[in-house]
Amino acid sequence: METQKREYDFKNVIQLDGTSDSTRKFMANVFMWMFVALGISAAFSYVFSHDQSLLQLLFDPATGRNTTLGTITIFAPLAFVLVMSFGINKIAYPVLLVLFIAFSAIMGISLSYIFLIYTSSLISTVFLTTSLVFGVMAVAGYTTHQDLTGFGAILRMALIGIIIASVVNMFMRSEQLQYIVSYIGVAVFVGLTAYDVQRLKRIGEGIEYGDASASKIAIMGALTLYLDFINLFLMLLRVFGGRRR
């Protein structure tokens, strides 16, 4: 899922009043929608992975391959991300919110596959670990006075490298390369969490300007942090390994 992480351009956003209260409200709104998205994804992932009739809509056990619907489900989240990011200034807020919720649901369905590969106990452990690491880095990004802009540029370049390596490994099927990419991916998404939180905080402080509404920017900010969390979770899951059978 690391290919679904997308860098958003927040240069064209509205100026908020710059008070600490407005910043806290903006960030609270961002995290609220992020948690809503994670909850929706977790619910759909659990339901589809534990209901054989639903799972067979995505995966054909006879052939060991994805069904047409399963293939669409895997790539659909990326399409949602592209539509929301490129259409943010044209899409009305209610529509953007519906797209965000639909994206969360479809993303959850696509994540149901991990229950076929990893044990439930491992998934739970890695999820808790991801939550702890994400929380620590989010606090670090929010409280640090050091400008992470330059650091973020390096992380974006590293992310491009991870995407390219992941695509190449789809053909090579190298387990060693997968582990290398996973370890680097953990470091990249840990850093991106702090960077993205700081960037969103600056938006809340009114440092950046433009014509998009704060509510729409909060949704896109939630999407950014959601993708940071999910990709960090998947990278850690690969690092810890541990198959069900």
Protein backbone atom coordinates (compact mmCIF):
# COMPACT_ATOMS: atom_id res chain seq x y z
CA MET A 1 0.00 0.00 0.00
CA GLU A 2 3.01 2.28 0.12
CA THR A 3 2.29 3.26 -3.48
CA GLN A 4 -0.83 5.01 -2.22
CA LYS A 5 1.05 7.55 -0.15
CA ARG A 6 0.78 10.84 -1.96
CA GLU A 7 2.38 14.20 -1.26
CA TYR A 8 -0.21 16.94 -1.13
CA ASP A 9 0.32 20.58 -1.97
CA PHE A 10 -0.96 22.62 0.93
CA LYS A 11 0.39 25.91 -0.38
CA ASN A 12 -3.05 27.09 -1.47
CA VAL A 13 -5.07 27.03 1.71
CA ILE A 14 -6.91 29.64 3.65
CA GLN A 15 -5.29 31.77 6.31
CA LEU A 16 -6.65 30.94 9.74
CA ASP A 17 -6.57 33.43 12.58
CA GLY A 18 -3.24 32.10 13.87
CA THR A 19 -4.25 31.70 17.50
CA SER A 20 -3.24 28.64 19.50
CA ASP A 21 -6.93 27.86 20.00
CA SER A 22 -7.62 27.78 16.27
CA THR A 23 -4.56 25.59 15.73
CA ARG A 24 -5.71 23.09 18.34
CA LYS A 25 -9.20 23.00 16.85
CA PHE A 26 -7.83 22.47 13.36
CA MET A 27 -5.51 19.67 14.47
CA ALA A 28 -8.27 18.08 16.56
CA ASN A 29 -10.46 18.04 13.45
CA VAL A 30 -7.67 16.44 11.41
CA PHE A 31 -7.06 13.69 13.96
CA MET A 32 -10.78 13.13 14.51
CA TRP A 33 -11.31 12.33 10.82
CA MET A 34 -8.16 10.23 10.75
CA PHE A 35 -9.46 8.11 13.66
CA VAL A 36 -12.87 7.84 11.97
CA ALA A 37 -11.17 6.57 8.81
CA LEU A 38 -9.09 4.04 10.76
CA GLY A 39 -12.19 2.81 12.55
CA ILE A 40 -14.11 2.37 9.31
CA SER A 41 -11.18 0.55 7.70
CA ALA A 42 -10.70 -1.73 10.70
CA ALA A 43 -14.39 -2.64 10.74
CA PHE A 44 -14.58 -3.46 7.02
CA SER A 45 -11.29 -5.35 7.12
CA TYR A 46 -12.43 -7.51 10.03
CA VAL A 47 -15.87 -8.24 8.58
CA PHE A 48 -14.59 -9.21 5.13
CA SER A 49 -11.73 -11.32 6.50
CA HIS A 50 -13.98 -13.31 8.86
CA ASP A 51 -16.92 -13.83 6.48
CA GLN A 52 -16.06 -16.46 3.87
CA SER A 53 -18.91 -15.45 1.58
CA LEU A 54 -17.60 -11.88 1.46
CA LEU A 55 -13.98 -12.95 1.20
CA GLN A 56 -14.75 -15.16 -1.78
CA LEU A 57 -16.00 -12.08 -3.60
CA LEU A 58 -12.40 -10.87 -3.53
CA PHE A 59 -10.34 -14.06 -3.58
CA ASP A 60 -10.99 -17.33 -5.40
CA PRO A 61 -9.61 -20.17 -3.23
CA ALA A 62 -9.89 -22.62 -6.12
CA THR A 63 -7.47 -20.68 -8.34
CA GLY A 64 -5.58 -18.90 -5.57
CA ARG A 65 -6.04 -15.62 -7.39
CA ASN A 66 -7.99 -12.41 -6.92
CA THR A 67 -11.38 -12.06 -8.52
CA THR A 68 -12.09 -9.10 -10.77
CA LEU A 69 -13.72 -7.34 -7.85
CA GLY A 70 -10.71 -8.14 -5.67
CA THR A 71 -8.33 -6.58 -8.19
CA ILE A 72 -10.50 -3.48 -8.47
CA THR A 73 -10.62 -3.20 -4.68
CA ILE A 74 -6.83 -3.23 -4.46
CA PHE A 75 -6.36 -0.35 -6.91
CA ALA A 76 -9.52 1.64 -6.12
CA PRO A 77 -8.07 3.42 -3.04
CA LEU A 78 -5.35 4.98 -5.20
CA ALA A 79 -8.01 6.28 -7.58
CA PHE A 80 -9.86 7.87 -4.65
CA VAL A 81 -6.66 9.54 -3.44
CA LEU A 82 -5.97 10.99 -6.88
CA VAL A 83 -9.52 12.28 -7.30
CA MET A 84 -9.55 13.92 -3.86
CA SER A 85 -6.09 15.46 -4.16
CA PHE A 86 -6.46 16.86 -7.67
CA GLY A 87 -10.07 17.89 -7.21
CA ILE A 88 -9.85 19.47 -3.77
CA ASN A 89 -10.51 23.00 -5.06
CA LYS A 90 -13.42 21.89 -7.26
CA ILE A 91 -15.14 19.28 -5.11
CA ALA A 92 -17.66 20.52 -2.54
CA TYR A 93 -16.95 19.63 1.08
CA PRO A 94 -19.88 17.17 1.46
CA VAL A 95 -18.74 15.31 -1.66
CA LEU A 96 -15.14 15.27 -0.45
CA LEU A 97 -16.28 13.85 2.88
CA VAL A 98 -18.29 11.10 1.18
CA LEU A 99 -15.27 10.23 -0.97
CA PHE A 100 -13.08 10.12 2.13
CA ILE A 101 -15.46 7.76 3.95
CA ALA A 102 -15.83 5.57 0.85
CA PHE A 103 -12.05 5.47 0.51
CA SER A 104 -11.73 4.35 4.14
CA ALA A 105 -14.22 1.53 3.57
CA ILE A 106 -12.60 0.28 0.36
CA MET A 107 -9.16 0.57 1.91
CA GLY A 108 -10.38 -1.59 4.79
CA ILE A 109 -11.69 -4.20 2.36
CA SER A 110 -8.35 -4.27 0.55
CA LEU A 111 -6.58 -4.75 3.90
CA SER A 112 -8.66 -7.84 4.68
CA TYR A 113 -6.04 -9.88 2.82
CA ILE A 114 -3.56 -9.47 5.67
CA PHE A 115 -5.69 -11.85 7.78
CA LEU A 116 -4.96 -14.55 5.20
CA ILE A 117 -1.22 -14.07 5.63
CA TYR A 118 -0.62 -13.07 9.24
CA THR A 119 -2.01 -14.26 12.54
CA SER A 120 -4.63 -12.15 14.30
CA SER A 121 -2.38 -11.85 17.36
CA LEU A 122 0.49 -10.52 15.26
CA ILE A 123 -1.78 -8.03 13.51
CA SER A 124 -3.05 -6.78 16.86
CA THR A 125 0.46 -6.49 18.27
CA VAL A 126 1.77 -4.62 15.25
CA PHE A 127 -1.27 -2.33 15.25
CA LEU A 128 -0.62 -1.39 18.88
CA THR A 129 3.07 -0.88 18.11
CA THR A 130 2.21 1.31 15.15
CA SER A 131 -0.18 3.36 17.29
CA LEU A 132 2.54 3.93 19.89
CA VAL A 133 5.21 4.89 17.35
CA PHE A 134 2.79 7.09 15.40
CA GLY A 135 1.65 8.82 18.58
CA VAL A 136 5.20 9.54 19.72
CA MET A 137 6.21 10.96 16.34
CA ALA A 138 3.00 12.99 16.05
CA VAL A 139 3.73 14.62 19.42
CA ALA A 140 7.34 15.19 18.36
CA GLY A 141 6.26 16.83 15.11
CA TYR A 142 3.72 19.02 16.89
CA THR A 143 6.00 20.20 19.69
CA THR A 144 9.39 20.51 17.98
CA HIS A 145 10.63 24.00 17.10
CA GLN A 146 13.02 22.67 14.48
CA ASP A 147 11.96 23.21 10.87
CA LEU A 148 11.47 19.79 9.26
CA THR A 149 10.96 21.10 5.73
CA GLY A 150 14.38 20.03 4.48
CA PHE A 151 14.03 16.71 6.25
CA GLY A 152 10.66 16.21 4.59
CA ALA A 153 12.16 16.75 1.13
CA ILE A 154 14.68 13.97 1.79
CA LEU A 155 11.91 11.66 3.00
CA ARG A 156 9.86 12.33 -0.13
CA MET A 157 12.79 11.32 -2.32
CA ALA A 158 13.28 8.18 -0.21
CA LEU A 159 9.57 7.43 -0.62
CA ILE A 160 9.91 7.59 -4.39
CA GLY A 161 12.79 5.12 -4.11
CA ILE A 162 10.63 2.78 -2.01
CA ILE A 163 7.84 2.90 -4.59
CA ILE A 164 10.22 2.12 -7.44
CA ALA A 165 11.87 -0.71 -5.49
CA SER A 166 8.46 -2.15 -4.59
CA VAL A 167 7.34 -2.13 -8.22
CA VAL A 168 10.60 -3.80 -9.31
CA ASN A 169 10.22 -6.43 -6.59
CA MET A 170 6.77 -7.31 -7.89
CA PHE A 171 8.64 -8.98 -10.77
CA MET A 172 11.80 -10.07 -8.92
CA ARG A 173 9.93 -11.49 -5.91
CA SER A 174 13.06 -11.12 -3.79
CA GLU A 175 12.42 -11.68 -0.08
CA GLN A 176 15.68 -9.95 0.81
CA LEU A 177 14.75 -6.85 -1.16
CA GLN A 178 11.33 -6.85 0.47
CA TYR A 179 12.91 -6.81 3.93
CA ILE A 180 15.28 -3.99 2.94
CA VAL A 181 12.39 -1.95 1.55
CA SER A 182 10.34 -2.66 4.67
CA TYR A 183 13.05 -1.51 7.08
CA ILE A 184 13.70 1.64 5.07
CA GLY A 185 9.94 2.17 4.78
CA VAL A 186 9.53 2.07 8.56
CA ALA A 187 12.16 4.82 8.93
CA VAL A 188 10.61 6.89 6.13
CA PHE A 189 7.05 6.78 7.44
CA VAL A 190 8.17 7.40 11.01
CA GLY A 191 9.85 10.58 9.77
CA LEU A 192 6.95 11.54 7.51
CA THR A 193 4.58 11.34 10.46
CA ALA A 194 6.50 14.03 12.34
CA TYR A 195 6.95 16.10 9.18
CA ASP A 196 3.29 15.96 8.14
CA VAL A 197 2.04 16.80 11.63
CA GLN A 198 4.31 19.85 11.75
CA ARG A 199 3.16 20.92 8.29
CA LEU A 200 -0.49 20.60 9.29
CA LYS A 201 0.17 22.54 12.47
CA ARG A 202 1.59 25.37 10.38
CA ILE A 203 -1.54 25.38 8.28
CA GLY A 204 -3.53 25.73 11.49
CA GLU A 205 -1.35 28.64 12.48
CA GLY A 206 -2.19 30.41 9.24
CA ILE A 207 1.34 30.29 7.84
CA GLU A 208 0.11 29.17 4.43
CA TYR A 209 -2.57 30.89 2.37
CA GLY A 210 -5.05 30.27 -0.45
CA ASP A 211 -8.69 29.65 -1.30
CA ALA A 212 -9.60 26.17 -0.01
CA SER A 213 -11.81 25.84 3.04
CA ALA A 214 -10.32 24.77 6.36
CA SER A 215 -12.77 21.86 6.57
CA LYS A 216 -11.60 20.46 3.24
CA ILE A 217 -7.96 20.89 4.20
CA ALA A 218 -8.67 19.05 7.46
CA ILE A 219 -10.04 16.10 5.47
CA MET A 220 -6.98 16.04 3.23
CA GLY A 221 -4.74 16.35 6.27
CA ALA A 222 -6.53 13.40 7.85
CA LEU A 223 -6.00 11.44 4.64
CA THR A 224 -2.28 12.22 4.73
CA LEU A 225 -1.88 11.06 8.34
CA TYR A 226 -4.08 8.04 7.68
CA LEU A 227 -1.78 6.96 4.85
CA ASP A 228 1.27 7.54 7.06
CA PHE A 229 -0.27 5.28 9.71
CA ILE A 230 -1.40 2.53 7.33
CA ASN A 231 1.90 2.38 5.48
CA LEU A 232 3.86 2.34 8.73
CA PHE A 233 1.59 -0.48 9.93
CA LEU A 234 2.14 -2.52 6.76
CA MET A 235 5.90 -1.97 6.83
CA LEU A 236 6.11 -3.09 10.45
CA LEU A 237 3.91 -6.07 9.66
CA ARG A 238 6.38 -7.17 6.99
CA VAL A 239 9.33 -6.63 9.32
CA PHE A 240 7.87 -8.67 12.16
CA GLY A 241 6.65 -11.35 9.70
CA GLY A 242 5.00 -14.42 11.17
CA ARG A 243 2.55 -16.31 8.99
CA ARG A 244 -0.65 -17.95 10.13
CA ARG A 245 0.39 -21.30 8.64
